[in-house]
N, C-alpha and C. Protein backbone atom coordinates (compact mmCIF):
# COMPACT_ATOMS: atom_id res chain seq x y z
N UNK A 1 -114.58 49.80 215.35
CA UNK A 1 -114.44 48.46 215.36
C UNK A 1 -113.78 47.89 216.64
N UNK A 2 -114.39 46.86 217.28
CA UNK A 2 -113.85 46.39 218.52
C UNK A 2 -112.77 45.24 218.19
N UNK A 3 -111.69 45.43 219.02
CA UNK A 3 -110.61 44.49 218.92
C UNK A 3 -110.61 43.72 220.24
N UNK A 4 -110.75 42.49 220.27
CA UNK A 4 -110.75 41.60 221.50
C UNK A 4 -109.49 41.06 221.66
N UNK A 5 -109.07 41.03 222.87
CA UNK A 5 -107.81 40.34 223.27
C UNK A 5 -108.09 39.43 224.22
N UNK A 6 -107.31 38.48 224.48
CA UNK A 6 -107.58 37.39 225.44
C UNK A 6 -108.43 36.24 224.92
N UNK A 7 -109.22 35.75 225.91
CA UNK A 7 -110.00 34.64 225.48
C UNK A 7 -111.12 35.13 224.85
N UNK A 8 -111.63 34.59 223.75
CA UNK A 8 -112.85 34.83 222.90
C UNK A 8 -113.51 33.57 222.60
N UNK A 9 -114.72 33.35 223.13
CA UNK A 9 -115.42 32.03 222.83
C UNK A 9 -116.11 32.16 221.50
N UNK A 10 -116.36 31.03 220.92
CA UNK A 10 -117.18 30.91 219.63
C UNK A 10 -118.57 31.36 219.91
N UNK A 11 -119.02 32.08 219.12
CA UNK A 11 -120.57 32.44 219.07
C UNK A 11 -121.27 31.58 218.27
N UNK A 12 -122.47 31.29 218.67
CA UNK A 12 -123.39 30.54 217.94
C UNK A 12 -124.51 31.36 217.26
N UNK A 13 -124.30 32.52 217.02
CA UNK A 13 -125.29 33.38 216.32
C UNK A 13 -125.24 33.22 214.93
N UNK A 14 -126.36 33.35 214.28
CA UNK A 14 -126.51 33.26 212.82
C UNK A 14 -127.42 34.41 212.31
N UNK A 15 -127.11 34.69 211.13
CA UNK A 15 -128.05 35.67 210.46
C UNK A 15 -128.41 35.16 209.05
N UNK A 16 -129.62 35.43 208.54
CA UNK A 16 -129.96 35.02 207.23
C UNK A 16 -130.79 36.24 206.47
N UNK A 17 -130.56 36.38 205.22
CA UNK A 17 -131.20 37.36 204.53
C UNK A 17 -131.82 36.79 203.25
N UNK A 18 -133.15 37.13 203.03
CA UNK A 18 -133.76 36.56 201.92
C UNK A 18 -133.39 37.33 200.55
N UNK A 19 -132.76 36.57 199.67
CA UNK A 19 -132.19 37.05 198.49
C UNK A 19 -133.22 37.63 197.48
N UNK A 20 -134.45 37.46 197.71
CA UNK A 20 -135.60 38.02 196.95
C UNK A 20 -136.14 39.34 197.52
N UNK A 21 -136.44 39.33 198.79
CA UNK A 21 -137.07 40.53 199.30
C UNK A 21 -136.28 41.28 200.30
N UNK A 22 -135.15 40.79 200.81
CA UNK A 22 -134.30 41.38 201.76
C UNK A 22 -134.64 41.16 203.26
N UNK A 23 -135.69 40.44 203.43
CA UNK A 23 -136.03 40.18 204.83
C UNK A 23 -134.89 39.50 205.50
N UNK A 24 -134.62 39.94 206.68
CA UNK A 24 -133.47 39.34 207.52
C UNK A 24 -133.84 39.00 208.84
N UNK A 25 -133.05 37.93 209.26
CA UNK A 25 -133.31 37.43 210.73
C UNK A 25 -131.91 37.12 211.25
N UNK A 26 -131.84 37.28 212.57
CA UNK A 26 -130.61 36.82 213.25
C UNK A 26 -130.92 36.35 214.74
N UNK A 27 -130.14 35.70 215.34
CA UNK A 27 -130.21 35.27 216.67
C UNK A 27 -129.23 34.05 216.90
N UNK A 28 -129.40 33.52 218.08
CA UNK A 28 -128.53 32.59 218.81
C UNK A 28 -129.12 31.20 218.37
N UNK A 29 -128.20 30.28 218.02
CA UNK A 29 -128.78 28.90 217.74
C UNK A 29 -129.94 28.76 216.81
N UNK A 30 -130.08 29.62 215.81
CA UNK A 30 -131.20 29.58 214.91
C UNK A 30 -130.73 28.86 213.50
N UNK A 31 -131.88 28.24 212.96
CA UNK A 31 -131.58 27.65 211.58
C UNK A 31 -132.60 28.21 210.63
N UNK A 32 -132.49 28.07 209.34
CA UNK A 32 -133.24 28.63 208.31
C UNK A 32 -134.73 28.22 208.69
N UNK A 33 -134.91 26.90 208.97
CA UNK A 33 -136.30 26.46 209.15
C UNK A 33 -137.00 27.17 210.24
N UNK A 34 -136.24 27.63 211.23
CA UNK A 34 -136.90 28.41 212.43
C UNK A 34 -137.72 29.68 211.89
N UNK A 35 -137.30 30.18 210.66
CA UNK A 35 -137.98 31.37 210.29
C UNK A 35 -138.61 31.11 208.85
N UNK A 36 -138.96 29.81 208.59
CA UNK A 36 -139.54 29.35 207.35
C UNK A 36 -138.79 29.83 206.11
N UNK A 37 -137.57 29.76 206.06
CA UNK A 37 -136.64 30.03 204.98
C UNK A 37 -135.91 28.89 204.59
N UNK A 38 -135.52 28.98 203.30
CA UNK A 38 -134.92 27.78 202.62
C UNK A 38 -133.61 28.25 202.04
N UNK A 39 -132.69 27.31 201.62
CA UNK A 39 -131.60 27.65 200.73
C UNK A 39 -131.37 26.43 199.63
N UNK A 40 -130.89 26.87 198.46
CA UNK A 40 -130.79 25.87 197.42
C UNK A 40 -129.35 25.63 197.37
N UNK A 41 -129.00 24.57 196.61
CA UNK A 41 -127.58 24.24 196.32
C UNK A 41 -126.64 25.19 195.75
N UNK A 42 -127.28 26.25 195.20
CA UNK A 42 -126.35 27.36 194.78
C UNK A 42 -126.18 28.39 195.79
N UNK A 43 -126.76 28.22 197.07
CA UNK A 43 -126.41 29.26 198.00
C UNK A 43 -127.50 30.32 198.18
N UNK A 44 -128.47 30.31 197.30
CA UNK A 44 -129.60 31.38 197.51
C UNK A 44 -130.49 31.06 198.65
N UNK A 45 -130.94 32.05 199.37
CA UNK A 45 -131.80 31.85 200.53
C UNK A 45 -133.11 32.81 200.16
N UNK A 46 -134.30 32.06 200.57
CA UNK A 46 -135.54 32.82 200.30
C UNK A 46 -136.53 32.40 201.28
N UNK A 47 -137.44 33.35 201.55
CA UNK A 47 -138.62 33.17 202.39
C UNK A 47 -139.59 32.22 201.68
N UNK A 48 -140.31 31.50 202.51
CA UNK A 48 -141.29 30.61 201.87
C UNK A 48 -142.42 31.42 201.10
N UNK A 49 -142.57 32.66 201.32
CA UNK A 49 -143.48 33.54 200.45
C UNK A 49 -143.00 33.58 199.09
N UNK A 50 -141.73 33.11 198.78
CA UNK A 50 -141.26 33.26 197.37
C UNK A 50 -141.02 31.72 196.84
N UNK A 51 -141.65 30.75 197.43
CA UNK A 51 -141.57 29.42 197.01
C UNK A 51 -142.00 29.30 195.59
N UNK A 52 -141.29 28.50 194.68
CA UNK A 52 -141.66 28.51 193.34
C UNK A 52 -143.14 27.76 193.05
N UNK A 53 -143.34 26.81 193.74
CA UNK A 53 -144.67 26.32 193.71
C UNK A 53 -145.04 25.42 194.92
N UNK A 54 -146.21 25.19 195.22
CA UNK A 54 -146.65 24.54 196.42
C UNK A 54 -146.59 23.04 196.16
N UNK A 55 -146.55 22.24 197.10
CA UNK A 55 -146.67 20.85 196.98
C UNK A 55 -147.93 20.38 196.41
N UNK A 56 -149.02 20.93 196.78
CA UNK A 56 -150.35 20.66 196.26
C UNK A 56 -150.42 20.81 194.73
N UNK A 57 -149.60 21.80 194.13
CA UNK A 57 -149.73 22.02 192.80
C UNK A 57 -149.03 21.06 191.91
N UNK A 58 -148.10 20.21 192.49
CA UNK A 58 -147.13 19.37 191.72
C UNK A 58 -148.09 18.00 191.51
N UNK A 59 -147.88 17.55 190.16
CA UNK A 59 -148.38 16.24 189.93
C UNK A 59 -147.73 15.08 190.77
N UNK A 60 -148.52 14.02 191.02
CA UNK A 60 -147.93 12.93 191.85
C UNK A 60 -146.53 12.41 191.30
N UNK A 61 -146.48 12.23 189.92
CA UNK A 61 -145.33 11.68 189.33
C UNK A 61 -144.18 12.65 189.49
N UNK A 62 -144.32 13.96 189.63
CA UNK A 62 -143.27 14.86 189.91
C UNK A 62 -142.90 14.77 191.36
N UNK A 63 -143.77 14.63 192.30
CA UNK A 63 -143.58 14.45 193.58
C UNK A 63 -142.75 13.10 193.91
N UNK A 64 -143.15 12.10 193.31
CA UNK A 64 -142.30 10.84 193.50
C UNK A 64 -140.92 10.99 192.93
N UNK A 65 -140.83 11.74 191.86
CA UNK A 65 -139.46 11.83 191.21
C UNK A 65 -138.66 12.74 192.22
N UNK A 66 -139.07 13.72 192.84
CA UNK A 66 -138.28 14.53 193.58
C UNK A 66 -137.82 13.72 194.90
N UNK A 67 -138.87 12.99 195.25
CA UNK A 67 -138.42 12.15 196.65
C UNK A 67 -137.38 11.08 196.22
N UNK A 68 -137.47 10.50 195.02
CA UNK A 68 -136.46 9.59 194.53
C UNK A 68 -135.21 10.13 194.23
N UNK A 69 -135.11 11.17 193.29
CA UNK A 69 -133.92 11.77 192.72
C UNK A 69 -133.34 12.85 193.74
N UNK A 70 -134.17 13.70 194.22
CA UNK A 70 -133.51 14.81 195.03
C UNK A 70 -133.24 14.40 196.41
N UNK A 71 -134.18 13.66 196.98
CA UNK A 71 -134.03 13.25 198.41
C UNK A 71 -133.68 11.91 198.64
N UNK A 72 -133.41 11.05 197.66
CA UNK A 72 -132.86 9.66 197.76
C UNK A 72 -133.72 8.77 198.62
N UNK A 73 -135.02 8.89 198.49
CA UNK A 73 -135.89 7.96 199.21
C UNK A 73 -135.83 6.65 198.52
N UNK A 74 -135.75 5.56 199.28
CA UNK A 74 -135.65 4.15 198.54
C UNK A 74 -136.84 3.85 197.80
N UNK A 75 -136.54 3.02 196.86
CA UNK A 75 -137.50 2.55 196.01
C UNK A 75 -138.68 1.74 196.78
N UNK A 76 -138.17 1.03 197.85
CA UNK A 76 -139.11 0.25 198.77
C UNK A 76 -140.04 1.07 199.36
N UNK A 77 -139.47 2.22 199.98
CA UNK A 77 -140.40 3.19 200.72
C UNK A 77 -141.34 3.93 199.73
N UNK A 78 -140.84 4.26 198.58
CA UNK A 78 -141.75 4.80 197.55
C UNK A 78 -142.81 3.88 197.14
N UNK A 79 -142.58 2.57 196.89
CA UNK A 79 -143.44 1.59 196.56
C UNK A 79 -144.59 1.44 197.59
N UNK A 80 -144.33 1.70 198.76
CA UNK A 80 -145.30 1.54 199.79
C UNK A 80 -146.30 2.63 199.79
N UNK A 81 -145.98 3.84 199.39
CA UNK A 81 -146.82 5.04 199.40
C UNK A 81 -147.26 5.50 198.13
N UNK A 82 -146.84 4.82 196.91
CA UNK A 82 -147.18 5.53 195.68
C UNK A 82 -148.58 5.71 195.32
N UNK A 83 -149.53 5.01 196.03
CA UNK A 83 -150.94 5.01 195.70
C UNK A 83 -151.78 6.02 196.71
N UNK A 84 -151.00 6.47 197.63
CA UNK A 84 -151.57 7.34 198.81
C UNK A 84 -151.06 8.80 198.65
N UNK A 85 -151.83 9.70 197.90
CA UNK A 85 -151.39 10.95 197.87
C UNK A 85 -151.15 11.65 199.16
N UNK A 86 -151.91 11.46 200.16
CA UNK A 86 -151.69 12.12 201.51
C UNK A 86 -150.33 11.75 202.04
N UNK A 87 -149.98 10.46 201.99
CA UNK A 87 -148.61 10.02 202.50
C UNK A 87 -147.50 10.61 201.63
N UNK A 88 -147.78 10.63 200.37
CA UNK A 88 -146.69 11.23 199.48
C UNK A 88 -146.47 12.78 199.90
N UNK A 89 -147.59 13.48 200.08
CA UNK A 89 -147.53 14.99 200.38
C UNK A 89 -146.78 15.19 201.78
N UNK A 90 -147.21 14.33 202.67
CA UNK A 90 -146.59 14.29 204.09
C UNK A 90 -145.09 14.18 204.02
N UNK A 91 -144.75 13.09 203.27
CA UNK A 91 -143.22 12.78 203.14
C UNK A 91 -142.52 13.83 202.51
N UNK A 92 -143.07 14.30 201.53
CA UNK A 92 -142.33 15.47 200.92
C UNK A 92 -142.34 16.73 201.54
N UNK A 93 -143.39 17.05 202.32
CA UNK A 93 -143.48 18.20 203.26
C UNK A 93 -142.29 18.09 204.23
N UNK A 94 -142.22 16.77 204.77
CA UNK A 94 -141.08 16.48 205.83
C UNK A 94 -139.76 16.89 205.24
N UNK A 95 -139.49 16.31 204.09
CA UNK A 95 -138.24 16.48 203.63
C UNK A 95 -137.93 17.96 203.24
N UNK A 96 -139.03 18.69 202.72
CA UNK A 96 -138.74 20.08 202.47
C UNK A 96 -138.55 20.79 203.79
N UNK A 97 -139.22 20.57 204.76
CA UNK A 97 -139.02 21.34 205.99
C UNK A 97 -137.82 20.93 206.80
N UNK A 98 -137.52 19.68 206.95
CA UNK A 98 -136.50 19.22 207.68
C UNK A 98 -135.20 18.95 206.98
N UNK A 99 -135.05 19.15 205.68
CA UNK A 99 -133.96 18.82 204.92
C UNK A 99 -132.81 19.64 205.42
N UNK A 100 -131.72 18.87 205.95
CA UNK A 100 -130.57 19.62 206.58
C UNK A 100 -129.60 20.26 205.58
N UNK A 101 -129.67 19.81 204.33
CA UNK A 101 -128.79 20.31 203.30
C UNK A 101 -129.57 21.22 202.40
N UNK A 102 -128.96 21.75 201.42
CA UNK A 102 -129.59 22.73 200.64
C UNK A 102 -130.66 21.91 199.75
N UNK A 103 -131.65 22.64 199.37
CA UNK A 103 -132.65 22.10 198.46
C UNK A 103 -132.13 22.15 196.98
N UNK A 104 -132.72 21.17 196.14
CA UNK A 104 -132.16 21.33 194.72
C UNK A 104 -132.65 22.69 194.10
N UNK A 105 -131.89 23.08 193.06
CA UNK A 105 -132.32 24.35 192.43
C UNK A 105 -133.52 24.52 191.83
N UNK A 106 -134.22 23.32 191.55
CA UNK A 106 -135.56 23.41 190.99
C UNK A 106 -136.61 24.07 191.91
N UNK A 107 -136.23 24.02 193.25
CA UNK A 107 -137.15 24.72 194.26
C UNK A 107 -136.89 26.14 194.46
N UNK A 108 -135.77 26.71 193.91
CA UNK A 108 -135.35 28.03 194.20
C UNK A 108 -135.81 29.11 193.10
N UNK A 109 -136.49 30.26 193.75
CA UNK A 109 -137.12 31.14 192.90
C UNK A 109 -136.05 31.95 191.96
N UNK A 110 -134.86 31.90 192.49
CA UNK A 110 -133.65 32.68 191.71
C UNK A 110 -133.34 31.64 190.60
N UNK A 111 -132.98 30.43 191.03
CA UNK A 111 -132.49 29.35 189.98
C UNK A 111 -133.37 29.25 188.85
N UNK A 112 -134.71 29.41 189.20
CA UNK A 112 -135.78 29.09 188.13
C UNK A 112 -136.19 30.46 187.47
N UNK A 113 -135.49 31.62 187.81
CA UNK A 113 -135.82 32.84 187.15
C UNK A 113 -137.19 33.35 187.49
N UNK A 114 -137.72 33.02 188.67
CA UNK A 114 -139.01 33.67 189.12
C UNK A 114 -138.73 34.93 189.85
N UNK A 115 -137.42 35.09 190.23
CA UNK A 115 -137.03 36.37 190.93
C UNK A 115 -135.56 36.49 190.49
N UNK A 116 -134.92 37.65 190.89
CA UNK A 116 -133.54 37.88 190.59
C UNK A 116 -133.00 38.64 191.75
N UNK A 117 -131.75 38.50 192.08
CA UNK A 117 -130.98 39.31 193.01
C UNK A 117 -130.55 40.58 192.26
N UNK A 118 -130.51 41.67 193.13
CA UNK A 118 -130.06 42.97 192.40
C UNK A 118 -128.64 42.84 191.88
N UNK A 119 -127.71 42.31 192.59
CA UNK A 119 -126.38 42.14 192.06
C UNK A 119 -126.31 41.35 190.78
N UNK A 120 -127.14 40.37 190.55
CA UNK A 120 -127.16 39.68 189.32
C UNK A 120 -127.68 40.55 188.14
N UNK A 121 -128.77 41.26 188.44
CA UNK A 121 -129.35 42.19 187.44
C UNK A 121 -128.37 43.16 186.93
N UNK A 122 -127.62 43.69 188.03
CA UNK A 122 -126.61 44.71 187.77
C UNK A 122 -125.43 44.12 186.86
N UNK A 123 -125.10 43.06 187.20
CA UNK A 123 -123.90 42.53 186.32
C UNK A 123 -124.35 42.12 184.99
N UNK A 124 -125.56 41.70 184.80
CA UNK A 124 -126.23 41.41 183.57
C UNK A 124 -126.18 42.73 182.66
N UNK A 125 -126.72 43.75 183.23
CA UNK A 125 -126.72 45.09 182.49
C UNK A 125 -125.29 45.51 182.16
N UNK A 126 -124.26 45.42 183.11
CA UNK A 126 -123.07 45.68 182.78
C UNK A 126 -122.58 44.99 181.47
N UNK A 127 -122.80 43.73 181.57
CA UNK A 127 -122.35 42.80 180.38
C UNK A 127 -123.11 43.01 179.11
N UNK A 128 -124.37 43.12 179.28
CA UNK A 128 -125.21 43.34 177.91
C UNK A 128 -124.84 44.64 177.38
N UNK A 129 -124.73 45.67 178.14
CA UNK A 129 -124.40 46.99 177.46
C UNK A 129 -123.00 47.31 177.40
N UNK A 130 -122.12 46.49 177.87
CA UNK A 130 -120.69 46.66 177.87
C UNK A 130 -120.21 47.90 178.39
N UNK A 131 -120.84 48.18 179.74
CA UNK A 131 -120.47 49.37 180.45
C UNK A 131 -119.93 48.89 181.79
N UNK A 132 -119.29 49.82 182.44
CA UNK A 132 -118.47 49.52 183.72
C UNK A 132 -119.27 50.42 184.82
N UNK A 133 -119.01 50.05 185.99
CA UNK A 133 -119.44 50.97 187.24
C UNK A 133 -118.80 52.39 187.10
N UNK A 134 -117.61 52.45 186.64
CA UNK A 134 -116.99 53.78 186.50
C UNK A 134 -117.80 54.63 185.60
N UNK A 135 -118.25 53.91 184.39
CA UNK A 135 -119.12 54.81 183.35
C UNK A 135 -120.40 55.26 183.92
N UNK A 136 -121.03 54.26 184.65
CA UNK A 136 -122.31 54.74 185.25
C UNK A 136 -122.18 55.72 186.30
N UNK A 137 -121.20 55.73 187.15
CA UNK A 137 -120.94 56.73 188.19
C UNK A 137 -120.48 58.11 187.50
N UNK A 138 -119.89 58.07 186.51
CA UNK A 138 -119.57 59.33 185.73
C UNK A 138 -120.69 59.81 185.13
N UNK A 139 -121.63 59.13 184.71
CA UNK A 139 -122.89 59.61 184.12
C UNK A 139 -123.85 60.23 185.11
N UNK A 140 -123.92 59.57 186.44
CA UNK A 140 -124.67 59.89 187.54
C UNK A 140 -124.11 61.40 187.98
N UNK A 141 -122.89 61.36 188.05
CA UNK A 141 -122.09 62.62 188.55
C UNK A 141 -122.51 63.82 187.56
N UNK A 142 -122.55 63.50 186.29
CA UNK A 142 -122.82 64.61 185.28
C UNK A 142 -124.14 64.99 185.19
N UNK A 143 -125.19 64.16 185.70
CA UNK A 143 -126.57 64.46 185.64
C UNK A 143 -127.19 65.04 186.82
N UNK A 144 -126.56 64.66 188.04
CA UNK A 144 -127.33 65.05 189.22
C UNK A 144 -126.21 65.76 190.15
N UNK A 145 -126.74 66.80 190.82
CA UNK A 145 -125.85 67.76 191.70
C UNK A 145 -125.83 67.10 193.13
N UNK A 146 -126.77 66.28 193.48
CA UNK A 146 -126.73 65.73 195.03
C UNK A 146 -127.27 64.32 194.88
N UNK A 147 -127.01 63.50 196.03
CA UNK A 147 -127.54 62.29 196.21
C UNK A 147 -129.09 62.36 196.23
N UNK A 148 -129.81 63.33 196.97
CA UNK A 148 -131.02 63.54 197.09
C UNK A 148 -131.71 63.66 195.83
N UNK A 149 -131.17 64.44 194.89
CA UNK A 149 -131.73 64.61 193.52
C UNK A 149 -131.64 63.42 192.86
N UNK A 150 -130.56 62.54 193.04
CA UNK A 150 -130.52 61.15 192.38
C UNK A 150 -131.59 60.28 192.82
N UNK A 151 -131.73 60.32 194.07
CA UNK A 151 -132.76 59.38 194.75
C UNK A 151 -134.19 59.72 194.27
N UNK A 152 -134.44 60.97 194.28
CA UNK A 152 -135.82 61.43 193.54
C UNK A 152 -136.02 61.08 192.39
N UNK A 153 -135.02 61.10 191.49
CA UNK A 153 -135.11 60.52 190.12
C UNK A 153 -135.34 59.04 190.21
N UNK A 154 -134.85 58.20 190.96
CA UNK A 154 -135.01 56.73 191.06
C UNK A 154 -136.32 56.54 191.58
N UNK A 155 -136.83 57.22 192.37
CA UNK A 155 -138.29 57.01 192.89
C UNK A 155 -139.34 57.39 192.10
N UNK A 156 -139.03 58.21 191.04
CA UNK A 156 -140.11 58.64 190.05
C UNK A 156 -140.65 57.35 189.27
N UNK A 157 -141.77 57.32 188.81
CA UNK A 157 -142.29 56.19 188.06
C UNK A 157 -142.14 56.59 186.46
């Protein structure tokens, strides 16, 4: 580990990891949208490959509701575009792409249970079967003589 002394400037580097597939990006002065990634209001990050649904699949009433409720578009602006599907789609796409805050959880593949993070699955198994990490490690140590043997077991179908 490096320990710096003296003057240290603030870095503008960022890194993001998709909670669904593990794809990661990092760089200076980057934001999620630079890599077509999104974040929900629960803090989950995902690649656009894991979007819950496309804008084209949504009924117009749902699109208008999202614009009104989630993105706080004014009633006046919605009234102007309510009969023009292309304008509705464009406005929604703009908000989805350029939205500086987190997206509502209805857009998140994890919040909608389309996908799950490994850590959430593990915690669920611990709770459902009333077991602990220590119990699991003890069982693994008793069944496998090496990590390679353990990995081979995990890779079997």
